[in-house]
C-alpha atoms as a PDB file:
ATOM      1  CA  MET A   1     116.784 131.732 136.615  1.00  0.00           C
ATOM      2  CA  SER A   2     113.541 129.487 137.656  1.00  0.00           C
ATOM      3  CA  TRP A   3     113.348 125.900 137.879  1.00  0.00           C
ATOM      4  CA  LEU A   4     111.310 125.628 134.414  1.00  0.00           C
ATOM      5  CA  ALA A   5     114.129 128.051 132.844  1.00  0.00           C
ATOM      6  CA  ILE A   6     117.039 125.501 134.038  1.00  0.00           C
ATOM      7  CA  ALA A   7     114.753 122.321 132.996  1.00  0.00           C
ATOM      8  CA  ALA A   8     114.364 124.020 129.421  1.00  0.00           C
ATOM      9  CA  THR A   9     117.621 125.165 128.716  1.00  0.00           C
ATOM     10  CA  ILE A  10     118.747 121.537 130.129  1.00  0.00           C
ATOM     11  CA  LEU A  11     116.108 119.786 127.673  1.00  0.00           C
ATOM     12  CA  VAL A  12     117.393 122.289 124.602  1.00  0.00           C
ATOM     13  CA  VAL A  13     120.903 121.043 125.620  1.00  0.00           C
ATOM     14  CA  LEU A  14     120.089 117.387 125.133  1.00  0.00           C
ATOM     15  CA  THR A  15     118.119 117.709 122.334  1.00  0.00           C
ATOM     16  CA  VAL A  16     121.203 119.575 120.498  1.00  0.00           C
ATOM     17  CA  ALA A  17     123.598 116.484 121.731  1.00  0.00           C
ATOM     18  CA  VAL A  18     121.214 113.790 120.870  1.00  0.00           C
ATOM     19  CA  LEU A  19     120.566 115.654 117.450  1.00  0.00           C
ATOM     20  CA  PHE A  20     124.736 115.562 116.553  1.00  0.00           C
ATOM     21  CA  VAL A  21     125.035 112.231 118.240  1.00  0.00           C
ATOM     22  CA  GLY A  22     122.561 111.114 115.207  1.00  0.00           C
ATOM     23  CA  ILE A  23     123.878 113.241 112.498  1.00  0.00           C
ATOM     24  CA  GLY A  24     127.331 111.744 113.505  1.00  0.00           C
ATOM     25  CA  GLY A  25     126.439 108.146 113.525  1.00  0.00           C
ATOM     26  CA  PHE A  26     124.329 108.575 110.349  1.00  0.00           C
ATOM     27  CA  ALA A  27     127.252 110.153 108.529  1.00  0.00           C
ATOM     28  CA  ARG A  28     129.273 107.191 109.229  1.00  0.00           C
ATOM     29  CA  GLY A  29     126.963 104.783 108.731  1.00  0.00           C
ATOM     30  CA  GLY A  30     127.596 101.421 109.845  1.00  0.00           C
ATOM     31  CA  GLU A  31     126.594  99.208 112.544  1.00  0.00           C
ATOM     32  CA  PHE A  32     126.178 102.394 115.238  1.00  0.00           C
ATOM     33  CA  ASN A  33     123.846 103.649 112.687  1.00  0.00           C
ATOM     34  CA  ARG A  34     122.015 100.620 112.082  1.00  0.00           C
ATOM     35  CA  ARG A  35     121.397  99.685 116.030  1.00  0.00           C
ATOM     36  CA  HIS A  36     121.277 103.375 117.631  1.00  0.00           C
ATOM     37  CA  GLY A  37     119.717 105.919 114.609  1.00  0.00           C
ATOM     38  CA  ASN A  38     116.118 105.036 115.398  1.00  0.00           C
ATOM     39  CA  ARG A  39     116.521 105.242 119.040  1.00  0.00           C
ATOM     40  CA  LEU A  40     118.203 108.336 118.821  1.00  0.00           C
ATOM     41  CA  MET A  41     115.448 109.768 116.701  1.00  0.00           C
ATOM     42  CA  ARG A  42     112.550 109.044 119.296  1.00  0.00           C
ATOM     43  CA  PHE A  43     114.883 110.885 121.778  1.00  0.00           C
ATOM     44  CA  ARG A  44     115.627 113.972 120.136  1.00  0.00           C
ATOM     45  CA  VAL A  45     111.656 114.078 119.540  1.00  0.00           C
ATOM     46  CA  GLY A  46     111.036 113.670 123.064  1.00  0.00           C
ATOM     47  CA  PHE A  47     113.465 116.127 124.108  1.00  0.00           C
ATOM     48  CA  GLN A  48     112.401 118.416 121.732  1.00  0.00           C
ATOM     49  CA  PHE A  49     108.451 117.973 122.659  1.00  0.00           C
ATOM     50  CA  ALA A  50     109.193 118.662 126.430  1.00  0.00           C
ATOM     51  CA  ALA A  51     111.523 121.825 125.768  1.00  0.00           C
ATOM     52  CA  LEU A  52     108.444 123.151 123.854  1.00  0.00           C
ATOM     53  CA  ILE A  53     105.864 122.055 126.573  1.00  0.00           C
ATOM     54  CA  LEU A  54     108.022 123.823 129.241  1.00  0.00           C
ATOM     55  CA  LEU A  55     108.730 126.998 127.241  1.00  0.00           C
ATOM     56  CA  GLY A  56     105.274 127.334 126.276  1.00  0.00           C
ATOM     57  CA  VAL A  57     104.124 127.161 130.013  1.00  0.00           C
ATOM     58  CA  MET A  58     107.014 129.715 130.715  1.00  0.00           C
ATOM     59  CA  PHE A  59     105.396 132.053 128.063  1.00  0.00           C
ATOM     60  CA  LEU A  60     101.880 131.545 129.908  1.00  0.00           C
ATOM     61  CA  LEU A  61     103.165 132.110 133.123  1.00  0.00           C
ATOM     62  CA  ALA A  62     105.170 135.217 131.822  1.00  0.00           C
ATOM     63  CA  ALA A  63     101.719 136.856 130.234  1.00  0.00           C
ATOM     64  CA  GLY A  64     100.013 136.238 133.378  1.00  0.00           C
ATOM     65  CA  GLY A  65      98.220 133.571 133.043  1.00  0.00           C
END
């Protein structure tokens, strides 16, 4: 497994983890959601973007160019 695949896997796991923490905070509401909800959303979008970029690079390299 290449380092790109390992990095992409880590980013996907981070994306899912932040997503579940954000959903849990939203469901509970309260102070945690008010303080951290927007920040968690931004982290999720960033992790997701980075994972997609790495997956795209992996597909390009696998296709030979």
